[in-house]
Amino acid sequence: MPGPFELIIILVIVLLLFGGKRLKNIGGDLGGAIKGFKKSMKEGENDKLDDKEDIIEAKVVEEDKDKEKK
């Protein structure tokens, strides 16, 4: 596990490579993607609960065995 000094060096290198404005945009996009993912997961759970209301009762009807042999 890198120590605090190593993390600062990594942060400086990333800042030099991407620049401050670009790094800010990447962070905002990543945050928006995570929010969207969480929102879709919650909507998916709600959809599963709503599907239970759509259950239709059905009755099994057995045919006579004589009709099946014909």
PDB file of N, CA and C in Angstrom:
ATOM      1  N   MET A   1       0.855  -1.175   0.000  1.00  0.00           N
ATOM      2  CA  MET A   1       0.000   0.000   0.000  1.00  0.00           C
ATOM      3  C   MET A   1       0.896   1.231   0.000  1.00  0.00           C
ATOM      4  N   PRO A   2       0.674   2.126  -0.983  1.00  0.00           N
ATOM      5  CA  PRO A   2       1.529   3.314  -1.038  1.00  0.00           C
ATOM      6  C   PRO A   2       1.248   4.269   0.123  1.00  0.00           C
ATOM      7  N   GLY A   3       2.300   4.898   0.571  1.00  0.00           N
ATOM      8  CA  GLY A   3       2.187   5.847   1.667  1.00  0.00           C
ATOM      9  C   GLY A   3       1.701   7.198   1.166  1.00  0.00           C
ATOM     10  N   PRO A   4       1.580   8.174   2.075  1.00  0.00           N
ATOM     11  CA  PRO A   4       1.070   9.484   1.692  1.00  0.00           C
ATOM     12  C   PRO A   4       1.991  10.212   0.694  1.00  0.00           C
ATOM     13  N   PHE A   5       3.303  10.050   0.839  1.00  0.00           N
ATOM     14  CA  PHE A   5       4.247  10.710  -0.065  1.00  0.00           C
ATOM     15  C   PHE A   5       4.110  10.161  -1.482  1.00  0.00           C
ATOM     16  N   GLU A   6       3.960   8.840  -1.598  1.00  0.00           N
ATOM     17  CA  GLU A   6       3.793   8.221  -2.919  1.00  0.00           C
ATOM     18  C   GLU A   6       2.477   8.659  -3.568  1.00  0.00           C
ATOM     19  N   LEU A   7       1.415   8.778  -2.769  1.00  0.00           N
ATOM     20  CA  LEU A   7       0.128   9.212  -3.297  1.00  0.00           C
ATOM     21  C   LEU A   7       0.197  10.635  -3.835  1.00  0.00           C
ATOM     22  N   ILE A   8       0.946  11.501  -3.150  1.00  0.00           N
ATOM     23  CA  ILE A   8       1.114  12.886  -3.614  1.00  0.00           C
ATOM     24  C   ILE A   8       1.856  12.903  -4.950  1.00  0.00           C
ATOM     25  N   ILE A   9       2.887  12.072  -5.073  1.00  0.00           N
ATOM     26  CA  ILE A   9       3.632  12.004  -6.334  1.00  0.00           C
ATOM     27  C   ILE A   9       2.730  11.508  -7.467  1.00  0.00           C
ATOM     28  N   ILE A  10       1.928  10.491  -7.205  1.00  0.00           N
ATOM     29  CA  ILE A  10       1.004   9.968  -8.219  1.00  0.00           C
ATOM     30  C   ILE A  10       0.000  11.041  -8.619  1.00  0.00           C
ATOM     31  N   LEU A  11      -0.524  11.785  -7.658  1.00  0.00           N
ATOM     32  CA  LEU A  11      -1.478  12.856  -7.933  1.00  0.00           C
ATOM     33  C   LEU A  11      -0.857  13.950  -8.801  1.00  0.00           C
ATOM     34  N   VAL A  12       0.390  14.313  -8.527  1.00  0.00           N
ATOM     35  CA  VAL A  12       1.080  15.340  -9.318  1.00  0.00           C
ATOM     36  C   VAL A  12       1.284  14.851 -10.749  1.00  0.00           C
ATOM     37  N   ILE A  13       1.664  13.597 -10.926  1.00  0.00           N
ATOM     38  CA  ILE A  13       1.868  13.036 -12.268  1.00  0.00           C
ATOM     39  C   ILE A  13       0.560  13.025 -13.048  1.00  0.00           C
ATOM     40  N   VAL A  14      -0.540  12.598 -12.402  1.00  0.00           N
ATOM     41  CA  VAL A  14      -1.848  12.580 -13.058  1.00  0.00           C
ATOM     42  C   VAL A  14      -2.273  13.998 -13.424  1.00  0.00           C
ATOM     43  N   LEU A  15      -2.031  14.947 -12.546  1.00  0.00           N
ATOM     44  CA  LEU A  15      -2.374  16.346 -12.808  1.00  0.00           C
ATOM     45  C   LEU A  15      -1.583  16.890 -13.993  1.00  0.00           C
ATOM     46  N   LEU A  16      -0.311  16.522 -14.094  1.00  0.00           N
ATOM     47  CA  LEU A  16       0.508  16.972 -15.226  1.00  0.00           C
ATOM     48  C   LEU A  16       0.049  16.339 -16.535  1.00  0.00           C
ATOM     49  N   LEU A  17      -0.360  15.082 -16.482  1.00  0.00           N
ATOM     50  CA  LEU A  17      -0.779  14.388 -17.702  1.00  0.00           C
ATOM     51  C   LEU A  17      -2.119  14.906 -18.226  1.00  0.00           C
ATOM     52  N   PHE A  18      -3.078  15.067 -17.360  1.00  0.00           N
ATOM     53  CA  PHE A  18      -4.422  15.413 -17.789  1.00  0.00           C
ATOM     54  C   PHE A  18      -4.745  16.899 -17.683  1.00  0.00           C
ATOM     55  N   GLY A  19      -4.106  17.611 -16.802  1.00  0.00           N
ATOM     56  CA  GLY A  19      -4.419  19.023 -16.603  1.00  0.00           C
ATOM     57  C   GLY A  19      -5.578  19.168 -15.625  1.00  0.00           C
ATOM     58  N   GLY A  20      -5.681  20.334 -15.027  1.00  0.00           N
ATOM     59  CA  GLY A  20      -6.687  20.562 -13.985  1.00  0.00           C
ATOM     60  C   GLY A  20      -8.107  20.546 -14.506  1.00  0.00           C
ATOM     61  N   LYS A  21      -8.354  21.217 -15.647  1.00  0.00           N
ATOM     62  CA  LYS A  21      -9.708  21.313 -16.176  1.00  0.00           C
ATOM     63  C   LYS A  21     -10.203  19.942 -16.651  1.00  0.00           C
ATOM     64  N   ARG A  22      -9.354  19.243 -17.339  1.00  0.00           N
ATOM     65  CA  ARG A  22      -9.737  17.921 -17.850  1.00  0.00           C
ATOM     66  C   ARG A  22      -9.985  16.948 -16.700  1.00  0.00           C
ATOM     67  N   LEU A  23      -9.162  17.014 -15.680  1.00  0.00           N
ATOM     68  CA  LEU A  23      -9.321  16.139 -14.516  1.00  0.00           C
ATOM     69  C   LEU A  23     -10.633  16.441 -13.802  1.00  0.00           C
ATOM     70  N   LYS A  24     -11.005  17.707 -13.738  1.00  0.00           N
ATOM     71  CA  LYS A  24     -12.278  18.092 -13.122  1.00  0.00           C
ATOM     72  C   LYS A  24     -13.445  17.530 -13.924  1.00  0.00           C
ATOM     73  N   ASN A  25     -13.367  17.605 -15.250  1.00  0.00           N
ATOM     74  CA  ASN A  25     -14.426  17.060 -16.107  1.00  0.00           C
ATOM     75  C   ASN A  25     -14.535  15.543 -15.967  1.00  0.00           C
ATOM     76  N   ILE A  26     -13.414  14.874 -15.882  1.00  0.00           N
ATOM     77  CA  ILE A  26     -13.418  13.413 -15.718  1.00  0.00           C
ATOM     78  C   ILE A  26     -14.081  13.044 -14.398  1.00  0.00           C
ATOM     79  N   GLY A  27     -13.760  13.783 -13.340  1.00  0.00           N
ATOM     80  CA  GLY A  27     -14.374  13.520 -12.035  1.00  0.00           C
ATOM     81  C   GLY A  27     -15.874  13.744 -12.056  1.00  0.00           C
ATOM     82  N   GLY A  28     -16.316  14.812 -12.710  1.00  0.00           N
ATOM     83  CA  GLY A  28     -17.751  15.096 -12.809  1.00  0.00           C
ATOM     84  C   GLY A  28     -18.484  14.033 -13.612  1.00  0.00           C
ATOM     85  N   ASP A  29     -17.869  13.603 -14.710  1.00  0.00           N
ATOM     86  CA  ASP A  29     -18.483  12.556 -15.534  1.00  0.00           C
ATOM     87  C   ASP A  29     -18.574  11.235 -14.771  1.00  0.00           C
ATOM     88  N   LEU A  30     -17.527  10.924 -14.030  1.00  0.00           N
ATOM     89  CA  LEU A  30     -17.530   9.688 -13.252  1.00  0.00           C
ATOM     90  C   LEU A  30     -18.597   9.741 -12.158  1.00  0.00           C
ATOM     91  N   GLY A  31     -18.733  10.873 -11.502  1.00  0.00           N
ATOM     92  CA  GLY A  31     -19.772  11.033 -10.476  1.00  0.00           C
ATOM     93  C   GLY A  31     -21.168  10.907 -11.062  1.00  0.00           C
ATOM     94  N   GLY A  32     -21.382  11.506 -12.243  1.00  0.00           N
ATOM     95  CA  GLY A  32     -22.679  11.407 -12.907  1.00  0.00           C
ATOM     96  C   GLY A  32     -22.995   9.966 -13.314  1.00  0.00           C
ATOM     97  N   ALA A  33     -21.974   9.248 -13.760  1.00  0.00           N
ATOM     98  CA  ALA A  33     -22.185   7.851 -14.147  1.00  0.00           C
ATOM     99  C   ALA A  33     -22.563   6.998 -12.945  1.00  0.00           C
ATOM    100  N   ILE A  34     -21.937   7.240 -11.819  1.00  0.00           N
ATOM    101  CA  ILE A  34     -22.253   6.478 -10.603  1.00  0.00           C
ATOM    102  C   ILE A  34     -23.672   6.787 -10.137  1.00  0.00           C
ATOM    103  N   LYS A  35     -24.064   8.072 -10.188  1.00  0.00           N
ATOM    104  CA  LYS A  35     -25.432   8.442  -9.797  1.00  0.00           C
ATOM    105  C   LYS A  35     -26.454   7.772 -10.715  1.00  0.00           C
ATOM    106  N   GLY A  36     -26.177   7.786 -12.018  1.00  0.00           N
ATOM    107  CA  GLY A  36     -27.085   7.151 -12.972  1.00  0.00           C
ATOM    108  C   GLY A  36     -27.210   5.658 -12.739  1.00  0.00           C
ATOM    109  N   PHE A  37     -26.089   5.014 -12.420  1.00  0.00           N
ATOM    110  CA  PHE A  37     -26.097   3.579 -12.153  1.00  0.00           C
ATOM    111  C   PHE A  37     -26.928   3.268 -10.915  1.00  0.00           C
ATOM    112  N   LYS A  38     -26.738   4.031  -9.851  1.00  0.00           N
ATOM    113  CA  LYS A  38     -27.510   3.811  -8.620  1.00  0.00           C
ATOM    114  C   LYS A  38     -28.998   4.034  -8.858  1.00  0.00           C
ATOM    115  N   LYS A  39     -29.334   5.071  -9.643  1.00  0.00           N
ATOM    116  CA  LYS A  39     -30.729   5.371  -9.938  1.00  0.00           C
ATOM    117  C   LYS A  39     -31.369   4.228 -10.726  1.00  0.00           C
ATOM    118  N   SER A  40     -30.652   3.700 -11.710  1.00  0.00           N
ATOM    119  CA  SER A  40     -31.210   2.608 -12.506  1.00  0.00           C
ATOM    120  C   SER A  40     -31.348   1.332 -11.679  1.00  0.00           C
ATOM    121  N   MET A  41     -30.464   1.114 -10.725  1.00  0.00           N
ATOM    122  CA  MET A  41     -30.584  -0.056  -9.850  1.00  0.00           C
ATOM    123  C   MET A  41     -31.831   0.060  -8.976  1.00  0.00           C
ATOM    124  N   LYS A  42     -32.114   1.253  -8.463  1.00  0.00           N
ATOM    125  CA  LYS A  42     -33.316   1.453  -7.644  1.00  0.00           C
ATOM    126  C   LYS A  42     -34.579   1.285  -8.482  1.00  0.00           C
ATOM    127  N   GLU A  43     -34.562   1.798  -9.724  1.00  0.00           N
ATOM    128  CA  GLU A  43     -35.713   1.641 -10.604  1.00  0.00           C
ATOM    129  C   GLU A  43     -35.934   0.173 -10.948  1.00  0.00           C
ATOM    130  N   GLY A  44     -34.849  -0.570 -11.103  1.00  0.00           N
ATOM    131  CA  GLY A  44     -34.960  -1.997 -11.399  1.00  0.00           C
ATOM    132  C   GLY A  44     -35.605  -2.760 -10.248  1.00  0.00           C
ATOM    133  N   GLU A  45     -35.277  -2.393  -9.028  1.00  0.00           N
ATOM    134  CA  GLU A  45     -35.890  -3.043  -7.866  1.00  0.00           C
ATOM    135  C   GLU A  45     -37.375  -2.719  -7.797  1.00  0.00           C
ATOM    136  N   ASN A  46     -37.751  -1.487  -8.113  1.00  0.00           N
ATOM    137  CA  ASN A  46     -39.156  -1.101  -8.096  1.00  0.00           C
ATOM    138  C   ASN A  46     -39.926  -1.827  -9.191  1.00  0.00           C
ATOM    139  N   ASP A  47     -39.322  -2.050 -10.337  1.00  0.00           N
ATOM    140  CA  ASP A  47     -39.979  -2.770 -11.426  1.00  0.00           C
ATOM    141  C   ASP A  47     -40.278  -4.209 -11.022  1.00  0.00           C
ATOM    142  N   LYS A  48     -39.368  -4.820 -10.288  1.00  0.00           N
ATOM    143  CA  LYS A  48     -39.582  -6.194  -9.842  1.00  0.00           C
ATOM    144  C   LYS A  48     -40.784  -6.273  -8.907  1.00  0.00           C
ATOM    145  N   LEU A  49     -40.947  -5.277  -8.059  1.00  0.00           N
ATOM    146  CA  LEU A  49     -42.079  -5.271  -7.141  1.00  0.00           C
ATOM    147  C   LEU A  49     -43.385  -5.051  -7.895  1.00  0.00           C
ATOM    148  N   ASP A  50     -43.356  -4.224  -8.923  1.00  0.00           N
ATOM    149  CA  ASP A  50     -44.560  -3.949  -9.696  1.00  0.00           C
ATOM    150  C   ASP A  50     -45.007  -5.163 -10.513  1.00  0.00           C
ATOM    151  N   ASP A  51     -44.069  -6.027 -10.891  1.00  0.00           N
ATOM    152  CA  ASP A  51     -44.408  -7.202 -11.694  1.00  0.00           C
ATOM    153  C   ASP A  51     -45.317  -8.162 -10.932  1.00  0.00           C
ATOM    154  N   LYS A  52     -45.254  -8.160  -9.618  1.00  0.00           N
ATOM    155  CA  LYS A  52     -46.080  -9.068  -8.826  1.00  0.00           C
ATOM    156  C   LYS A  52     -47.557  -8.737  -8.971  1.00  0.00           C
ATOM    157  N   GLU A  53     -47.873  -7.490  -9.285  1.00  0.00           N
ATOM    158  CA  GLU A  53     -49.265  -7.097  -9.455  1.00  0.00           C
ATOM    159  C   GLU A  53     -49.843  -7.641 -10.761  1.00  0.00           C
ATOM    160  N   ASP A  54     -48.992  -8.012 -11.695  1.00  0.00           N
ATOM    161  CA  ASP A  54     -49.433  -8.463 -13.004  1.00  0.00           C
ATOM    162  C   ASP A  54     -49.669  -9.972 -13.062  1.00  0.00           C
ATOM    163  N   ILE A  55     -49.594 -10.654 -11.939  1.00  0.00           N
ATOM    164  CA  ILE A  55     -49.778 -12.104 -11.928  1.00  0.00           C
ATOM    165  C   ILE A  55     -51.242 -12.421 -12.219  1.00  0.00           C
ATOM    166  N   ILE A  56     -51.454 -13.353 -13.127  1.00  0.00           N
ATOM    167  CA  ILE A  56     -52.801 -13.756 -13.520  1.00  0.00           C
ATOM    168  C   ILE A  56     -53.041 -15.164 -13.005  1.00  0.00           C
ATOM    169  N   GLU A  57     -54.203 -15.366 -12.421  1.00  0.00           N
ATOM    170  CA  GLU A  57     -54.532 -16.701 -11.946  1.00  0.00           C
ATOM    171  C   GLU A  57     -54.879 -17.577 -13.140  1.00  0.00           C
ATOM    172  N   ALA A  58     -54.449 -18.827 -13.084  1.00  0.00           N
ATOM    173  CA  ALA A  58     -54.711 -19.761 -14.175  1.00  0.00           C
ATOM    174  C   ALA A  58     -55.203 -21.077 -13.589  1.00  0.00           C
ATOM    175  N   LYS A  59     -55.969 -21.782 -14.362  1.00  0.00           N
ATOM    176  CA  LYS A  59     -56.506 -23.051 -13.928  1.00  0.00           C
ATOM    177  C   LYS A  59     -56.025 -24.127 -14.904  1.00  0.00           C
ATOM    178  N   VAL A  60     -55.539 -25.240 -14.377  1.00  0.00           N
ATOM    179  CA  VAL A  60     -55.073 -26.337 -15.219  1.00  0.00           C
ATOM    180  C   VAL A  60     -56.266 -27.230 -15.541  1.00  0.00           C
ATOM    181  N   VAL A  61     -56.462 -27.472 -16.821  1.00  0.00           N
ATOM    182  CA  VAL A  61     -57.570 -28.303 -17.265  1.00  0.00           C
ATOM    183  C   VAL A  61     -56.987 -29.593 -17.818  1.00  0.00           C
ATOM    184  N   GLU A  62     -57.458 -30.712 -17.277  1.00  0.00           N
ATOM    185  CA  GLU A  62     -56.977 -32.006 -17.749  1.00  0.00           C
ATOM    186  C   GLU A  62     -57.951 -32.551 -18.781  1.00  0.00           C
ATOM    187  N   GLU A  63     -57.388 -33.104 -19.849  1.00  0.00           N
ATOM    188  CA  GLU A  63     -58.220 -33.721 -20.876  1.00  0.00           C
ATOM    189  C   GLU A  63     -58.422 -35.190 -20.533  1.00  0.00           C
ATOM    190  N   ASP A  64     -59.480 -35.757 -21.082  1.00  0.00           N
ATOM    191  CA  ASP A  64     -59.718 -37.178 -20.883  1.00  0.00           C
ATOM    192  C   ASP A  64     -58.636 -37.972 -21.589  1.00  0.00           C
ATOM    193  N   LYS A  65     -58.230 -39.080 -20.977  1.00  0.00           N
ATOM    194  CA  LYS A  65     -57.172 -39.900 -21.580  1.00  0.00           C
ATOM    195  C   LYS A  65     -57.672 -40.577 -22.848  1.00  0.00           C
ATOM    196  N   ASP A  66     -58.984 -40.801 -22.981  1.00  0.00           N
ATOM    197  CA  ASP A  66     -59.516 -41.409 -24.180  1.00  0.00           C
ATOM    198  C   ASP A  66     -59.357 -40.490 -25.384  1.00  0.00           C
ATOM    199  N   LYS A  67     -59.496 -39.213 -25.196  1.00  0.00           N
ATOM    200  CA  LYS A  67     -59.343 -38.240 -26.295  1.00  0.00           C
ATOM    201  C   LYS A  67     -57.914 -38.159 -26.770  1.00  0.00           C
ATOM    202  N   GLU A  68     -56.955 -38.320 -25.853  1.00  0.00           N
ATOM    203  CA  GLU A  68     -55.544 -38.242 -26.205  1.00  0.00           C
ATOM    204  C   GLU A  68     -55.116 -39.413 -27.064  1.00  0.00           C
ATOM    205  N   LYS A  69     -55.712 -40.593 -26.879  1.00  0.00           N
ATOM    206  CA  LYS A  69     -55.319 -41.791 -27.618  1.00  0.00           C
ATOM    207  C   LYS A  69     -55.804 -41.742 -29.069  1.00  0.00           C
ATOM    208  N   LYS A  70     -56.821 -40.976 -29.361  1.00  0.00           N
ATOM    209  CA  LYS A  70     -57.388 -40.925 -30.713  1.00  0.00           C
ATOM    210  C   LYS A  70     -56.529 -40.227 -31.670  1.00  0.00           C
TER     211      LYS A  70
END
